[in-house]
Amino acid sequence: MKVIQLHHKNNTTLIKRAVKGKRDAQHTLFEIHAPKMLSVCRYYIKDIQNAESVMLKGFLKAFINLKNFKNEGSFEGWLRRIMVRESISFLRQEKQVEFSVEDETIYKEHYNNIDSQIEVAQIQQLIDELPEGYKMVFIMHAIEGYIHQEIADILSISQGTSKSQLFKARQMLQKKIKDINTTSYGTS
């Protein structure tokens, strides 16, 4: 069994060597960060082969632009942003993204805490079942931590649309979770 070290103590040295085109350093950076970056791509893209493809393209872009990484913040965060943008770009190219804008005023800031025994795989499946626009905004906000203005800028939508998409995604997920709980556990 191969053990992959999750936090390399000498990321700065690896990055410097990778900038110089040292393949072993690039390979080590890939080995360290690939599992997390595949997860990031998988959040957005249902098909694992497409997610892997997008991740590889993201790493290629990262290695080409590695000289632009200024060591201001974490390398993982920088890499993660590349993966998010590559995933969004892939979905746009595949014409899989639609944003419903029927009523942006529906958005309200409320959160329901639903007690649930749902497995992680079920949650991923529920997220995958969301319409692509809802899914993308939900992941960017709830998982990646983007604020609505950043989401609006990245996706070329209004801030109100971002808020509305998040609200609707949460409503849809809450309903699906409630349905699962009712079906599986006889609760309401």
Protein backbone atom coordinates (compact mmCIF):
# COMPACT_ATOMS: atom_id res chain seq x y z
CA MET A 1 0.00 0.00 0.00
CA LYS A 2 1.30 3.44 -0.97
CA VAL A 3 0.98 6.19 1.61
CA ILE A 4 0.49 9.70 0.26
CA GLN A 5 1.64 12.42 2.57
CA LEU A 6 -1.19 14.97 2.83
CA HIS A 7 0.78 17.96 4.06
CA HIS A 8 4.24 18.29 2.66
CA LYS A 9 6.48 20.33 4.95
CA ASN A 10 8.50 21.68 2.06
CA ASN A 11 5.80 22.89 -0.35
CA THR A 12 7.80 26.05 -1.12
CA THR A 13 10.84 24.07 -2.21
CA LEU A 14 8.68 21.74 -4.29
CA ILE A 15 6.98 24.69 -5.97
CA LYS A 16 10.32 26.35 -6.77
CA ARG A 17 11.61 23.11 -8.27
CA ALA A 18 8.37 22.57 -10.21
CA VAL A 19 8.61 26.11 -11.65
CA LYS A 20 12.02 25.10 -13.02
CA GLY A 21 10.34 22.18 -14.79
CA LYS A 22 11.57 19.42 -12.45
CA ARG A 23 9.21 16.55 -13.19
CA ASP A 24 9.78 14.82 -9.84
CA ALA A 25 8.63 17.97 -8.00
CA GLN A 26 5.59 18.30 -10.26
CA HIS A 27 4.78 14.64 -9.70
CA THR A 28 5.07 15.04 -5.92
CA LEU A 29 2.80 18.11 -5.96
CA PHE A 30 0.32 16.15 -8.06
CA GLU A 31 0.42 13.16 -5.68
CA ILE A 32 -0.12 15.40 -2.66
CA HIS A 33 -3.01 17.43 -4.07
CA ALA A 34 -4.74 15.20 -6.66
CA PRO A 35 -7.18 13.45 -4.28
CA LYS A 36 -8.57 16.74 -2.93
CA MET A 37 -8.62 18.38 -6.36
CA LEU A 38 -10.50 15.44 -7.84
CA SER A 39 -13.07 15.89 -5.07
CA VAL A 40 -13.41 19.56 -6.00
CA CYS A 41 -14.00 18.69 -9.67
CA ARG A 42 -16.37 15.88 -8.70
CA TYR A 43 -18.55 18.32 -6.73
CA TYR A 44 -19.38 20.02 -10.01
CA ILE A 45 -19.16 17.19 -12.53
CA LYS A 46 -21.21 14.00 -12.11
CA ASP A 47 -19.19 11.75 -14.40
CA ILE A 48 -15.96 10.65 -12.71
CA GLN A 49 -14.04 10.32 -16.00
CA ASN A 50 -14.95 13.89 -16.96
CA ALA A 51 -14.04 15.07 -13.46
CA GLU A 52 -10.64 13.36 -13.77
CA SER A 53 -10.12 14.93 -17.19
CA VAL A 54 -10.94 18.38 -15.86
CA MET A 55 -8.63 17.82 -12.88
CA LEU A 56 -5.75 16.86 -15.18
CA LYS A 57 -6.41 19.91 -17.34
CA GLY A 58 -6.44 22.02 -14.17
CA PHE A 59 -3.09 20.60 -13.06
CA LEU A 60 -1.64 21.30 -16.50
CA LYS A 61 -2.85 24.89 -16.28
CA ALA A 62 -1.48 25.13 -12.73
CA PHE A 63 1.97 23.87 -13.75
CA ILE A 64 2.07 26.21 -16.75
CA ASN A 65 1.15 29.17 -14.52
CA LEU A 66 3.04 28.08 -11.42
CA LYS A 67 5.45 30.99 -11.82
CA ASN A 68 2.46 33.26 -11.07
CA PHE A 69 1.87 31.69 -7.63
CA LYS A 70 3.18 34.31 -5.21
CA ASN A 71 3.10 32.27 -1.97
CA GLU A 72 0.43 34.68 -0.70
CA GLY A 73 -2.00 32.22 0.84
CA SER A 74 -1.99 28.49 0.48
CA PHE A 75 -0.95 26.64 -2.64
CA GLU A 76 -3.93 24.33 -2.14
CA GLY A 77 -6.32 27.29 -2.18
CA TRP A 78 -4.73 28.62 -5.37
CA LEU A 79 -4.97 25.20 -6.98
CA ARG A 80 -8.55 24.78 -5.80
CA ARG A 81 -9.61 28.02 -7.52
CA ILE A 82 -8.12 26.73 -10.78
CA MET A 83 -10.08 23.48 -10.42
CA VAL A 84 -13.35 25.33 -9.73
CA ARG A 85 -12.89 27.54 -12.79
CA GLU A 86 -11.93 24.57 -14.98
CA SER A 87 -15.01 22.67 -13.81
CA ILE A 88 -17.27 25.62 -14.56
CA SER A 89 -15.61 26.07 -17.95
CA PHE A 90 -16.19 22.39 -18.75
CA LEU A 91 -19.87 22.61 -17.81
CA ARG A 92 -20.31 25.73 -19.92
CA GLN A 93 -18.66 24.05 -22.91
CA GLU A 94 -20.95 21.08 -22.49
CA LYS A 95 -23.93 23.47 -22.25
CA GLN A 96 -24.91 21.87 -18.93
CA VAL A 97 -25.44 25.12 -17.03
CA GLU A 98 -28.73 26.96 -16.81
CA PHE A 99 -29.75 29.54 -14.29
CA SER A 100 -33.43 30.07 -13.67
CA VAL A 101 -34.18 33.71 -13.10
CA GLU A 102 -37.96 33.57 -12.82
CA ASP A 103 -38.04 35.38 -9.49
CA GLU A 104 -34.92 36.59 -7.75
CA THR A 105 -36.99 38.11 -4.95
CA ILE A 106 -37.81 34.64 -3.61
CA TYR A 107 -34.48 34.55 -1.80
CA LYS A 108 -34.69 34.66 2.00
CA GLU A 109 -31.93 34.02 4.55
CA HIS A 110 -33.26 31.06 6.52
CA TYR A 111 -31.75 27.74 7.39
CA ASN A 112 -33.61 24.67 8.53
CA ASN A 113 -31.70 22.20 10.61
CA ILE A 114 -32.79 18.78 9.49
CA ASP A 115 -31.77 15.88 11.68
CA SER A 116 -30.69 13.18 9.28
CA GLN A 117 -28.88 9.89 9.11
CA ILE A 118 -27.99 10.30 5.44
CA GLU A 119 -24.69 8.90 4.19
CA VAL A 120 -22.11 11.04 2.38
CA ALA A 121 -22.69 9.12 -0.87
CA GLN A 122 -26.42 9.89 -0.65
CA ILE A 123 -25.68 13.57 -0.10
CA GLN A 124 -23.42 13.63 -3.16
CA GLN A 125 -26.17 11.92 -5.16
CA LEU A 126 -28.73 14.48 -3.98
CA ILE A 127 -26.38 17.31 -4.98
CA ASP A 128 -25.82 15.64 -8.36
CA GLU A 129 -29.59 15.59 -8.93
CA LEU A 130 -29.88 19.37 -8.55
CA PRO A 131 -30.27 21.40 -11.74
CA GLU A 132 -26.77 22.46 -12.82
CA GLY A 133 -27.24 26.16 -11.99
CA TYR A 134 -28.50 25.38 -8.48
CA LYS A 135 -25.75 22.82 -7.98
CA MET A 136 -22.95 25.11 -9.08
CA VAL A 137 -24.00 28.02 -6.87
CA PHE A 138 -24.68 25.70 -3.91
CA ILE A 139 -21.22 24.12 -4.13
CA MET A 140 -19.44 27.42 -4.67
CA HIS A 141 -21.17 29.00 -1.65
CA ALA A 142 -21.73 26.15 0.82
CA ILE A 143 -18.66 24.06 0.11
CA GLU A 144 -16.07 26.37 -1.47
CA GLY A 145 -16.98 29.40 0.64
CA TYR A 146 -17.39 31.94 -2.15
CA ILE A 147 -19.54 34.98 -1.37
CA HIS A 148 -22.41 35.86 -3.70
CA GLN A 149 -20.55 38.72 -5.40
CA GLU A 150 -17.64 36.39 -6.26
CA ILE A 151 -20.07 33.76 -7.58
CA ALA A 152 -21.85 36.40 -9.66
CA ASP A 153 -18.56 37.59 -11.14
CA ILE A 154 -17.26 34.09 -11.93
CA LEU A 155 -20.54 32.86 -13.45
CA SER A 156 -21.50 36.15 -15.15
CA ILE A 157 -24.84 36.33 -13.34
CA SER A 158 -26.33 38.89 -10.98
CA GLN A 159 -25.80 38.68 -7.25
CA GLY A 160 -29.58 38.29 -6.85
CA THR A 161 -29.56 35.30 -9.19
CA SER A 162 -26.78 33.75 -7.11
CA LYS A 163 -28.80 34.22 -3.93
CA SER A 164 -31.94 32.89 -5.57
CA GLN A 165 -30.15 29.81 -6.95
CA LEU A 166 -28.71 29.05 -3.51
CA PHE A 167 -32.07 29.48 -1.83
CA LYS A 168 -33.76 27.16 -4.33
CA ALA A 169 -30.97 24.58 -4.11
CA ARG A 170 -31.27 24.51 -0.32
CA GLN A 171 -35.04 24.20 -0.52
CA MET A 172 -34.76 21.32 -2.98
CA LEU A 173 -32.12 19.53 -0.88
CA GLN A 174 -34.11 20.01 2.31
CA LYS A 175 -37.21 18.55 0.68
CA LYS A 176 -35.26 15.57 -0.66
CA ILE A 177 -33.64 14.95 2.73
CA LYS A 178 -37.00 15.21 4.45
CA ASP A 179 -38.48 12.73 1.94
CA ILE A 180 -35.60 10.31 2.55
CA ASN A 181 -36.00 10.63 6.32
CA THR A 182 -39.75 10.09 6.06
CA THR A 183 -39.34 7.06 3.81
CA SER A 184 -36.39 5.52 5.60
CA TYR A 185 -37.06 6.34 9.23
CA GLY A 186 -40.77 7.05 9.39
CA THR A 187 -40.14 10.54 10.71
CA SER A 188 -41.65 13.76 9.53
